[in-house]
N, C-alpha and C. Protein backbone atom coordinates (compact mmCIF):
# COMPACT_ATOMS: atom_id res chain seq x y z
N MET A 1 -77.81 24.94 60.42
CA MET A 1 -78.50 23.87 61.11
C MET A 1 -79.99 23.95 60.76
N ALA A 2 -80.61 22.83 60.64
CA ALA A 2 -82.02 22.77 60.30
C ALA A 2 -82.88 23.36 61.40
N THR A 3 -84.05 23.84 61.07
CA THR A 3 -84.96 24.37 62.07
C THR A 3 -85.74 23.23 62.71
N GLY A 4 -86.44 23.56 63.77
CA GLY A 4 -87.23 22.54 64.45
C GLY A 4 -86.44 21.63 65.35
N LEU A 5 -85.27 22.11 65.84
CA LEU A 5 -84.40 21.29 66.65
C LEU A 5 -84.03 22.01 67.93
N THR A 6 -83.74 21.29 68.95
CA THR A 6 -83.19 21.82 70.18
C THR A 6 -81.79 21.24 70.36
N LEU A 7 -80.83 22.16 70.56
CA LEU A 7 -79.42 21.75 70.64
C LEU A 7 -78.93 21.81 72.07
N ARG A 8 -78.00 20.91 72.36
CA ARG A 8 -77.28 20.96 73.64
C ARG A 8 -75.94 21.56 73.34
N THR A 9 -75.56 22.60 74.03
CA THR A 9 -74.33 23.32 73.68
C THR A 9 -73.12 22.74 74.42
N ASN A 10 -73.19 22.32 75.67
CA ASN A 10 -72.01 21.75 76.28
C ASN A 10 -72.30 20.33 76.69
N SER A 11 -71.71 19.39 75.96
CA SER A 11 -71.98 18.00 76.19
C SER A 11 -71.00 17.45 77.23
N GLU A 12 -71.55 16.75 78.17
CA GLU A 12 -70.70 16.07 79.14
C GLU A 12 -70.84 14.56 78.91
N THR A 13 -71.13 14.19 77.72
CA THR A 13 -71.37 12.82 77.34
C THR A 13 -70.05 12.05 77.37
N GLN A 14 -70.02 10.90 77.97
CA GLN A 14 -68.87 10.02 77.94
C GLN A 14 -68.87 9.32 76.56
N LEU A 15 -67.80 9.46 75.83
CA LEU A 15 -67.72 8.86 74.50
C LEU A 15 -67.36 7.38 74.60
N PRO A 16 -67.96 6.58 73.75
CA PRO A 16 -67.62 5.14 73.76
C PRO A 16 -66.20 4.95 73.19
N ALA A 17 -65.56 3.85 73.59
CA ALA A 17 -64.18 3.58 73.18
C ALA A 17 -64.01 3.60 71.69
N PHE A 18 -64.99 3.04 70.95
CA PHE A 18 -64.84 2.96 69.51
C PHE A 18 -64.87 4.33 68.83
N PHE A 19 -65.38 5.33 69.53
CA PHE A 19 -65.39 6.68 68.96
C PHE A 19 -64.01 7.11 68.49
N TYR A 20 -63.00 6.74 69.25
CA TYR A 20 -61.63 7.18 68.90
C TYR A 20 -61.01 6.37 67.77
N ARG A 21 -61.68 5.32 67.33
CA ARG A 21 -61.25 4.56 66.17
C ARG A 21 -61.95 5.05 64.88
N LEU A 22 -62.94 5.94 65.02
CA LEU A 22 -63.64 6.51 63.90
C LEU A 22 -62.73 7.51 63.19
N SER A 23 -62.96 7.74 61.92
CA SER A 23 -62.26 8.77 61.20
C SER A 23 -62.64 10.13 61.79
N SER A 24 -61.85 11.12 61.53
CA SER A 24 -62.19 12.47 62.07
C SER A 24 -63.52 12.94 61.52
N ARG A 25 -63.81 12.63 60.28
CA ARG A 25 -65.07 13.02 59.69
C ARG A 25 -66.25 12.33 60.42
N ALA A 26 -66.13 11.04 60.67
CA ALA A 26 -67.15 10.28 61.39
C ALA A 26 -67.28 10.82 62.82
N GLN A 27 -66.18 11.18 63.46
CA GLN A 27 -66.23 11.74 64.83
C GLN A 27 -67.06 13.04 64.84
N ARG A 28 -66.83 13.86 63.79
CA ARG A 28 -67.59 15.11 63.71
C ARG A 28 -69.11 14.83 63.54
N THR A 29 -69.44 13.82 62.75
CA THR A 29 -70.83 13.41 62.59
C THR A 29 -71.38 12.93 63.92
N TRP A 30 -70.67 12.10 64.66
CA TRP A 30 -71.10 11.61 65.92
C TRP A 30 -71.37 12.77 66.88
N LEU A 31 -70.42 13.69 66.96
CA LEU A 31 -70.56 14.84 67.92
C LEU A 31 -71.72 15.73 67.53
N LYS A 32 -71.92 15.93 66.22
CA LYS A 32 -73.06 16.77 65.78
C LYS A 32 -74.37 16.07 66.17
N SER A 33 -74.42 14.79 65.95
CA SER A 33 -75.63 14.02 66.33
C SER A 33 -75.89 14.15 67.83
N ASP A 34 -74.85 14.08 68.62
CA ASP A 34 -74.99 14.09 70.07
C ASP A 34 -75.48 15.39 70.61
N THR A 35 -75.28 16.50 69.85
CA THR A 35 -75.69 17.80 70.38
C THR A 35 -77.16 18.09 70.19
N VAL A 36 -77.82 17.39 69.31
CA VAL A 36 -79.27 17.65 69.05
C VAL A 36 -80.08 16.75 69.95
N GLU A 37 -80.81 17.36 70.87
CA GLU A 37 -81.51 16.60 71.87
C GLU A 37 -82.97 16.30 71.56
N ARG A 38 -83.61 17.14 70.77
CA ARG A 38 -85.04 16.95 70.52
C ARG A 38 -85.42 17.65 69.25
N TYR A 39 -86.56 17.20 68.68
CA TYR A 39 -87.20 17.89 67.61
C TYR A 39 -88.30 18.74 68.19
N ASP A 40 -88.45 19.92 67.68
CA ASP A 40 -89.56 20.77 68.11
C ASP A 40 -90.77 20.39 67.28
N TYR A 41 -91.29 19.22 67.59
CA TYR A 41 -92.39 18.66 66.83
C TYR A 41 -93.67 18.62 67.70
N VAL A 42 -94.71 19.19 67.14
CA VAL A 42 -96.01 19.17 67.80
C VAL A 42 -96.97 18.45 66.86
N PRO A 43 -97.47 17.27 67.27
CA PRO A 43 -98.38 16.55 66.39
C PRO A 43 -99.68 17.32 66.10
N ASN A 44 -100.10 17.26 64.87
CA ASN A 44 -101.37 17.88 64.48
C ASN A 44 -102.48 16.80 64.61
N ASP A 45 -103.67 17.18 64.28
CA ASP A 45 -104.81 16.23 64.40
C ASP A 45 -104.57 15.00 63.51
N ALA A 46 -104.03 15.20 62.33
CA ALA A 46 -103.82 14.03 61.43
C ALA A 46 -102.82 13.07 62.04
N ALA A 47 -101.78 13.58 62.70
CA ALA A 47 -100.81 12.68 63.34
C ALA A 47 -101.43 11.94 64.51
N ARG A 48 -102.20 12.65 65.32
CA ARG A 48 -102.88 12.02 66.43
C ARG A 48 -103.87 10.94 65.95
N ASN A 49 -104.60 11.26 64.90
CA ASN A 49 -105.52 10.28 64.32
C ASN A 49 -104.78 9.04 63.78
N SER A 50 -103.67 9.30 63.13
CA SER A 50 -102.82 8.16 62.61
C SER A 50 -102.30 7.32 63.74
N LEU A 51 -101.87 7.95 64.83
CA LEU A 51 -101.41 7.18 65.99
C LEU A 51 -102.54 6.36 66.58
N ASP A 52 -103.70 6.95 66.76
CA ASP A 52 -104.86 6.23 67.31
C ASP A 52 -105.22 5.02 66.42
N ALA A 53 -105.22 5.26 65.13
CA ALA A 53 -105.54 4.15 64.17
C ALA A 53 -104.48 3.05 64.25
N LEU A 54 -103.25 3.43 64.34
CA LEU A 54 -102.16 2.42 64.47
C LEU A 54 -102.32 1.61 65.73
N MET A 55 -102.59 2.28 66.84
CA MET A 55 -102.77 1.58 68.15
C MET A 55 -103.93 0.57 68.04
N ARG A 56 -105.03 1.00 67.41
CA ARG A 56 -106.20 0.10 67.27
C ARG A 56 -105.92 -1.06 66.37
N VAL A 57 -105.30 -0.83 65.24
CA VAL A 57 -105.08 -1.90 64.25
C VAL A 57 -104.02 -2.90 64.72
N LEU A 58 -103.08 -2.44 65.53
CA LEU A 58 -102.12 -3.39 66.12
C LEU A 58 -102.75 -4.42 66.97
N GLU A 59 -103.78 -4.03 67.66
CA GLU A 59 -104.49 -4.95 68.58
C GLU A 59 -105.19 -6.04 67.77
N THR A 60 -105.48 -5.81 66.48
CA THR A 60 -106.18 -6.80 65.68
C THR A 60 -105.21 -7.75 65.01
N GLY A 61 -103.92 -7.34 64.89
CA GLY A 61 -102.93 -8.18 64.23
C GLY A 61 -103.01 -8.13 62.70
N ASN A 62 -103.71 -7.15 62.16
CA ASN A 62 -103.89 -7.00 60.73
C ASN A 62 -102.64 -6.39 60.12
N LEU A 63 -101.86 -7.18 59.35
CA LEU A 63 -100.59 -6.72 58.81
C LEU A 63 -100.76 -5.59 57.80
N ALA A 64 -101.70 -5.72 56.86
CA ALA A 64 -101.90 -4.70 55.84
C ALA A 64 -102.38 -3.38 56.54
N GLY A 65 -103.31 -3.51 57.50
CA GLY A 65 -103.77 -2.32 58.17
C GLY A 65 -102.70 -1.62 59.00
N CYS A 66 -101.83 -2.45 59.60
CA CYS A 66 -100.72 -1.91 60.39
C CYS A 66 -99.75 -1.16 59.44
N THR A 67 -99.47 -1.73 58.28
CA THR A 67 -98.58 -1.08 57.36
C THR A 67 -99.16 0.26 56.91
N THR A 68 -100.46 0.31 56.57
CA THR A 68 -101.11 1.54 56.14
C THR A 68 -101.03 2.58 57.25
N CYS A 69 -101.30 2.23 58.50
CA CYS A 69 -101.30 3.19 59.59
C CYS A 69 -99.87 3.62 59.95
N ALA A 70 -98.92 2.74 59.90
CA ALA A 70 -97.52 3.11 60.21
C ALA A 70 -97.00 4.09 59.12
N ARG A 71 -97.35 3.84 57.91
CA ARG A 71 -96.95 4.76 56.82
C ARG A 71 -97.57 6.13 57.02
N ALA A 72 -98.86 6.13 57.39
CA ALA A 72 -99.55 7.42 57.58
C ALA A 72 -98.94 8.20 58.74
N LEU A 73 -98.62 7.53 59.82
CA LEU A 73 -97.99 8.22 60.98
C LEU A 73 -96.65 8.75 60.63
N ALA A 74 -95.81 7.94 59.99
CA ALA A 74 -94.47 8.41 59.59
C ALA A 74 -94.60 9.58 58.62
N ALA A 75 -95.52 9.54 57.72
CA ALA A 75 -95.72 10.65 56.78
C ALA A 75 -96.12 11.92 57.49
N GLU A 76 -96.99 11.80 58.50
CA GLU A 76 -97.43 13.01 59.26
C GLU A 76 -96.26 13.61 60.06
N ILE A 77 -95.43 12.79 60.63
CA ILE A 77 -94.27 13.26 61.37
C ILE A 77 -93.31 13.96 60.39
N CYS A 78 -93.07 13.35 59.26
CA CYS A 78 -92.20 14.00 58.23
C CYS A 78 -92.78 15.31 57.79
N ARG A 79 -94.08 15.34 57.54
CA ARG A 79 -94.76 16.57 57.12
C ARG A 79 -94.59 17.64 58.21
N GLY A 80 -94.79 17.28 59.48
CA GLY A 80 -94.64 18.19 60.56
C GLY A 80 -93.24 18.75 60.75
N LEU A 81 -92.25 17.99 60.29
CA LEU A 81 -90.88 18.46 60.33
C LEU A 81 -90.32 18.93 59.00
N ALA A 82 -91.22 19.11 58.06
CA ALA A 82 -90.92 19.64 56.71
C ALA A 82 -89.82 18.81 56.02
N THR A 83 -90.00 17.50 56.06
CA THR A 83 -89.10 16.60 55.29
C THR A 83 -89.94 15.70 54.39
N ALA A 84 -89.33 15.17 53.39
CA ALA A 84 -90.00 14.24 52.50
C ALA A 84 -90.42 12.99 53.31
N PRO A 85 -91.52 12.36 52.97
CA PRO A 85 -91.93 11.13 53.71
C PRO A 85 -90.96 9.99 53.40
N VAL A 86 -90.90 9.07 54.34
CA VAL A 86 -90.11 7.86 54.17
C VAL A 86 -91.05 6.66 54.01
N SER A 87 -90.64 5.73 53.19
CA SER A 87 -91.47 4.54 53.01
C SER A 87 -91.35 3.63 54.22
N VAL A 88 -92.45 2.99 54.57
CA VAL A 88 -92.46 2.07 55.69
C VAL A 88 -93.11 0.75 55.25
N GLU A 89 -92.43 -0.35 55.60
CA GLU A 89 -92.96 -1.69 55.32
C GLU A 89 -93.03 -2.43 56.64
N VAL A 90 -94.17 -3.04 56.92
CA VAL A 90 -94.35 -3.82 58.16
C VAL A 90 -94.44 -5.31 57.73
N ARG A 91 -93.63 -6.10 58.40
CA ARG A 91 -93.63 -7.55 58.14
C ARG A 91 -94.12 -8.29 59.37
N GLY A 92 -94.35 -9.58 59.23
CA GLY A 92 -94.92 -10.38 60.29
C GLY A 92 -93.99 -10.69 61.44
N VAL A 93 -93.43 -11.88 61.51
CA VAL A 93 -92.67 -12.36 62.64
C VAL A 93 -91.23 -11.85 62.56
N ARG A 94 -90.75 -11.38 63.72
CA ARG A 94 -89.41 -10.82 63.81
C ARG A 94 -88.36 -11.90 63.52
N PRO A 95 -87.33 -11.57 62.78
CA PRO A 95 -86.17 -12.50 62.64
C PRO A 95 -85.46 -12.63 63.99
N ARG A 96 -84.86 -13.76 64.24
CA ARG A 96 -84.18 -13.99 65.52
C ARG A 96 -82.86 -14.73 65.27
N ASN A 97 -81.87 -14.39 66.05
CA ASN A 97 -80.61 -15.14 66.04
C ASN A 97 -80.14 -15.26 67.49
N GLN A 98 -78.87 -15.68 67.70
CA GLN A 98 -78.35 -15.85 69.02
C GLN A 98 -78.35 -14.56 69.84
N ARG A 99 -78.26 -13.40 69.17
CA ARG A 99 -78.19 -12.13 69.86
C ARG A 99 -79.56 -11.58 70.26
N GLY A 100 -80.64 -12.11 69.68
CA GLY A 100 -81.97 -11.62 69.99
C GLY A 100 -82.85 -11.43 68.76
N GLU A 101 -83.89 -10.66 68.96
CA GLU A 101 -84.89 -10.40 67.90
C GLU A 101 -84.61 -9.07 67.23
N LEU A 102 -84.86 -9.00 65.96
CA LEU A 102 -84.74 -7.72 65.21
C LEU A 102 -86.10 -7.07 65.24
N HIS A 103 -86.12 -5.81 65.71
CA HIS A 103 -87.39 -5.07 65.80
C HIS A 103 -87.67 -4.24 64.59
N GLY A 104 -86.63 -3.60 64.02
CA GLY A 104 -86.79 -2.73 62.87
C GLY A 104 -85.46 -2.41 62.27
N LEU A 105 -85.50 -1.93 61.02
CA LEU A 105 -84.30 -1.52 60.28
C LEU A 105 -84.62 -0.28 59.48
N PHE A 106 -83.59 0.57 59.37
CA PHE A 106 -83.68 1.70 58.45
C PHE A 106 -82.65 1.50 57.37
N TYR A 107 -83.05 1.65 56.11
CA TYR A 107 -82.17 1.56 54.97
C TYR A 107 -82.07 2.96 54.38
N PRO A 108 -80.87 3.58 54.43
CA PRO A 108 -80.71 4.93 53.89
C PRO A 108 -80.73 4.85 52.34
N TYR A 109 -80.83 6.00 51.74
CA TYR A 109 -80.78 6.11 50.27
C TYR A 109 -79.49 5.42 49.77
N ASP A 110 -79.61 4.59 48.77
CA ASP A 110 -78.46 3.93 48.15
C ASP A 110 -78.26 4.46 46.70
N PRO A 111 -77.35 5.38 46.52
CA PRO A 111 -77.17 5.98 45.19
C PRO A 111 -76.76 5.01 44.11
N ARG A 112 -76.08 3.88 44.49
CA ARG A 112 -75.60 2.94 43.50
C ARG A 112 -76.80 2.29 42.74
N ILE A 113 -77.87 2.08 43.45
CA ILE A 113 -79.03 1.43 42.82
C ILE A 113 -80.26 2.35 42.83
N ARG A 114 -80.03 3.62 43.23
CA ARG A 114 -81.09 4.63 43.30
C ARG A 114 -82.29 4.15 44.10
N ARG A 115 -82.00 3.45 45.22
CA ARG A 115 -83.06 2.98 46.08
C ARG A 115 -83.36 4.06 47.13
N PRO A 116 -84.60 4.51 47.20
CA PRO A 116 -84.92 5.54 48.19
C PRO A 116 -84.84 4.96 49.63
N PRO A 117 -84.73 5.82 50.64
CA PRO A 117 -84.66 5.35 52.00
C PRO A 117 -85.99 4.66 52.38
N TYR A 118 -85.89 3.67 53.22
CA TYR A 118 -87.14 3.02 53.72
C TYR A 118 -86.88 2.33 55.06
N ILE A 119 -88.01 2.07 55.72
CA ILE A 119 -88.01 1.48 57.05
C ILE A 119 -88.72 0.11 56.96
N VAL A 120 -88.20 -0.88 57.63
CA VAL A 120 -88.84 -2.21 57.80
C VAL A 120 -89.05 -2.43 59.30
N LEU A 121 -90.27 -2.80 59.65
CA LEU A 121 -90.60 -3.13 61.03
C LEU A 121 -91.23 -4.51 61.07
N TRP A 122 -91.16 -5.18 62.23
CA TRP A 122 -91.84 -6.44 62.44
C TRP A 122 -92.87 -6.28 63.51
N MET A 123 -94.03 -6.87 63.32
CA MET A 123 -95.13 -6.65 64.27
C MET A 123 -95.42 -7.85 65.18
N ARG A 124 -94.67 -8.96 65.03
CA ARG A 124 -94.92 -10.13 65.87
C ARG A 124 -93.58 -10.60 66.47
N THR A 125 -93.65 -11.06 67.73
CA THR A 125 -92.47 -11.54 68.41
C THR A 125 -91.98 -12.82 67.74
N ALA A 126 -90.66 -13.08 67.86
CA ALA A 126 -90.06 -14.19 67.18
C ALA A 126 -90.46 -15.54 67.80
N GLN A 127 -90.51 -15.64 69.10
CA GLN A 127 -90.73 -16.91 69.73
C GLN A 127 -92.19 -17.33 69.77
N ARG A 128 -93.05 -16.44 70.27
CA ARG A 128 -94.43 -16.81 70.47
C ARG A 128 -95.35 -16.28 69.35
N HIS A 129 -94.82 -15.46 68.49
CA HIS A 129 -95.58 -14.85 67.36
C HIS A 129 -96.72 -13.96 67.86
N ASP A 130 -96.55 -13.45 69.08
CA ASP A 130 -97.55 -12.49 69.62
C ASP A 130 -97.38 -11.14 68.89
N VAL A 131 -98.49 -10.40 68.72
CA VAL A 131 -98.43 -9.05 68.21
C VAL A 131 -97.69 -8.22 69.25
N VAL A 132 -96.75 -7.43 68.79
CA VAL A 132 -95.95 -6.54 69.69
C VAL A 132 -96.90 -5.54 70.34
N LYS A 133 -96.63 -5.19 71.60
CA LYS A 133 -97.42 -4.21 72.32
C LYS A 133 -97.44 -2.88 71.49
N PRO A 134 -98.57 -2.24 71.37
CA PRO A 134 -98.65 -1.03 70.53
C PRO A 134 -97.61 0.05 70.89
N LYS A 135 -97.40 0.35 72.15
CA LYS A 135 -96.40 1.38 72.49
C LYS A 135 -94.99 0.95 72.11
N THR A 136 -94.69 -0.32 72.23
CA THR A 136 -93.38 -0.82 71.82
C THR A 136 -93.21 -0.69 70.33
N PHE A 137 -94.26 -1.01 69.58
CA PHE A 137 -94.20 -0.88 68.12
C PHE A 137 -93.99 0.57 67.71
N VAL A 138 -94.74 1.48 68.35
CA VAL A 138 -94.61 2.92 68.03
C VAL A 138 -93.22 3.43 68.35
N ARG A 139 -92.65 2.99 69.53
CA ARG A 139 -91.31 3.41 69.87
C ARG A 139 -90.29 2.90 68.84
N THR A 140 -90.50 1.69 68.33
CA THR A 140 -89.59 1.13 67.30
C THR A 140 -89.74 1.95 66.01
N LEU A 141 -90.95 2.27 65.67
CA LEU A 141 -91.17 3.13 64.48
C LEU A 141 -90.47 4.47 64.64
N MET A 142 -90.60 5.08 65.83
CA MET A 142 -89.95 6.38 66.06
C MET A 142 -88.42 6.25 66.04
N HIS A 143 -87.93 5.13 66.47
CA HIS A 143 -86.46 4.89 66.43
C HIS A 143 -85.99 4.88 64.95
N GLU A 144 -86.70 4.12 64.10
CA GLU A 144 -86.31 4.10 62.72
C GLU A 144 -86.58 5.41 61.97
N VAL A 145 -87.65 6.10 62.30
CA VAL A 145 -87.90 7.41 61.78
C VAL A 145 -86.78 8.36 62.19
N GLY A 146 -86.31 8.18 63.42
CA GLY A 146 -85.17 9.01 63.88
C GLY A 146 -83.93 8.81 63.06
N HIS A 147 -83.65 7.57 62.65
CA HIS A 147 -82.51 7.35 61.74
C HIS A 147 -82.74 8.07 60.41
N TYR A 148 -83.95 8.00 59.88
CA TYR A 148 -84.25 8.71 58.67
C TYR A 148 -84.04 10.21 58.80
N LEU A 149 -84.53 10.75 59.92
CA LEU A 149 -84.41 12.23 60.15
C LEU A 149 -82.97 12.65 60.35
N ASP A 150 -82.11 11.74 60.82
CA ASP A 150 -80.67 12.07 60.90
C ASP A 150 -80.12 12.44 59.55
N TYR A 151 -80.57 11.74 58.53
CA TYR A 151 -80.12 12.00 57.16
C TYR A 151 -80.93 13.14 56.53
N ALA A 152 -82.26 13.06 56.58
CA ALA A 152 -83.12 13.98 55.86
C ALA A 152 -83.21 15.39 56.48
N LEU A 153 -83.21 15.45 57.79
CA LEU A 153 -83.39 16.73 58.48
C LEU A 153 -82.06 17.28 59.00
N LEU A 154 -81.31 16.46 59.68
CA LEU A 154 -80.02 16.95 60.25
C LEU A 154 -78.91 16.92 59.22
N ARG A 155 -79.11 16.21 58.13
CA ARG A 155 -78.13 16.10 57.06
C ARG A 155 -76.81 15.50 57.57
N LEU A 156 -76.92 14.51 58.45
CA LEU A 156 -75.76 13.82 58.95
C LEU A 156 -75.26 12.81 57.90
N GLU A 157 -74.02 12.52 57.89
CA GLU A 157 -73.48 11.53 56.96
C GLU A 157 -73.72 10.10 57.40
N ASP A 158 -74.01 9.92 58.66
CA ASP A 158 -74.33 8.61 59.19
C ASP A 158 -75.26 8.78 60.38
N SER A 159 -75.91 7.75 60.79
CA SER A 159 -76.85 7.85 61.91
C SER A 159 -76.38 6.90 63.04
N TYR A 160 -75.74 7.51 64.04
CA TYR A 160 -75.21 6.77 65.17
C TYR A 160 -76.18 6.74 66.35
N HIS A 161 -76.04 5.73 67.18
CA HIS A 161 -76.81 5.63 68.42
C HIS A 161 -76.11 6.48 69.50
N THR A 162 -76.16 7.75 69.34
CA THR A 162 -75.59 8.68 70.36
C THR A 162 -76.62 8.93 71.42
N GLN A 163 -76.17 9.55 72.49
CA GLN A 163 -77.12 9.93 73.57
C GLN A 163 -78.14 10.92 72.96
N GLY A 164 -77.68 11.81 72.12
CA GLY A 164 -78.59 12.77 71.46
C GLY A 164 -79.62 12.04 70.62
N PHE A 165 -79.21 10.99 69.90
CA PHE A 165 -80.16 10.25 69.07
C PHE A 165 -81.28 9.68 69.93
N PHE A 166 -80.94 9.05 71.04
CA PHE A 166 -81.98 8.45 71.90
C PHE A 166 -82.85 9.53 72.53
N LYS A 167 -82.31 10.68 72.81
CA LYS A 167 -83.15 11.77 73.33
C LYS A 167 -84.10 12.28 72.25
N ARG A 168 -83.63 12.35 71.00
CA ARG A 168 -84.52 12.78 69.91
C ARG A 168 -85.66 11.74 69.70
N GLU A 169 -85.29 10.47 69.74
CA GLU A 169 -86.30 9.40 69.65
C GLU A 169 -87.36 9.58 70.75
N SER A 170 -86.92 9.75 71.95
CA SER A 170 -87.82 9.90 73.07
C SER A 170 -88.68 11.14 72.92
N SER A 171 -88.10 12.19 72.34
CA SER A 171 -88.90 13.45 72.18
C SER A 171 -90.05 13.21 71.22
N LEU A 172 -89.83 12.40 70.19
CA LEU A 172 -90.92 12.09 69.25
C LEU A 172 -92.01 11.25 69.94
N VAL A 173 -91.56 10.27 70.71
CA VAL A 173 -92.52 9.40 71.42
C VAL A 173 -93.35 10.24 72.43
N ARG A 174 -92.69 11.08 73.19
CA ARG A 174 -93.38 11.91 74.19
C ARG A 174 -94.34 12.84 73.48
N ALA A 175 -93.92 13.43 72.33
CA ALA A 175 -94.78 14.37 71.61
C ALA A 175 -96.06 13.63 71.17
N LEU A 176 -95.93 12.43 70.72
CA LEU A 176 -97.11 11.67 70.21
C LEU A 176 -98.02 11.27 71.32
N PHE A 177 -97.46 10.74 72.45
CA PHE A 177 -98.30 10.22 73.47
C PHE A 177 -98.75 11.25 74.48
N ASN A 178 -98.16 12.41 74.48
CA ASN A 178 -98.57 13.46 75.45
C ASN A 178 -99.30 14.62 74.78
N SER A 179 -99.72 14.43 73.52
CA SER A 179 -100.41 15.53 72.85
C SER A 179 -101.94 15.40 73.03
């Protein structure tokens, strides 16, 4: 198991119904994901500075500046957890359909086309085109970074929305805002 993690040894998590339709291999991946509750991540000065810069630039609505700061913050988190950095792209208005707005996406490595992993985030709401609240944007970034870390740090075969995943996401957010 990778270092820098806190594990839960006895899970009392209620499994979703679809879990039993997963292959045994996918079930093992789900269960492994669910046991890891947090990253032992302590932000350094560069990460805190990147967070502060991102919070400031979001208030201005500057897309290029937001992209630069989001990339810097993601890179600092990856550096702090001894993983390769992930590419981050920030776009303008969120796509919307009948189910709601899309906040962010993580694209894992695709060996067929040798595309490296990357994250796409949107910084404006779909309906009113308002800039997303800075803490909401950072939480979305940490969510997508969490998917990346499932592959890069935990070496999971897939990244599921397990209870452990959401606890890991929250641990990153708390580490950033409480440092």
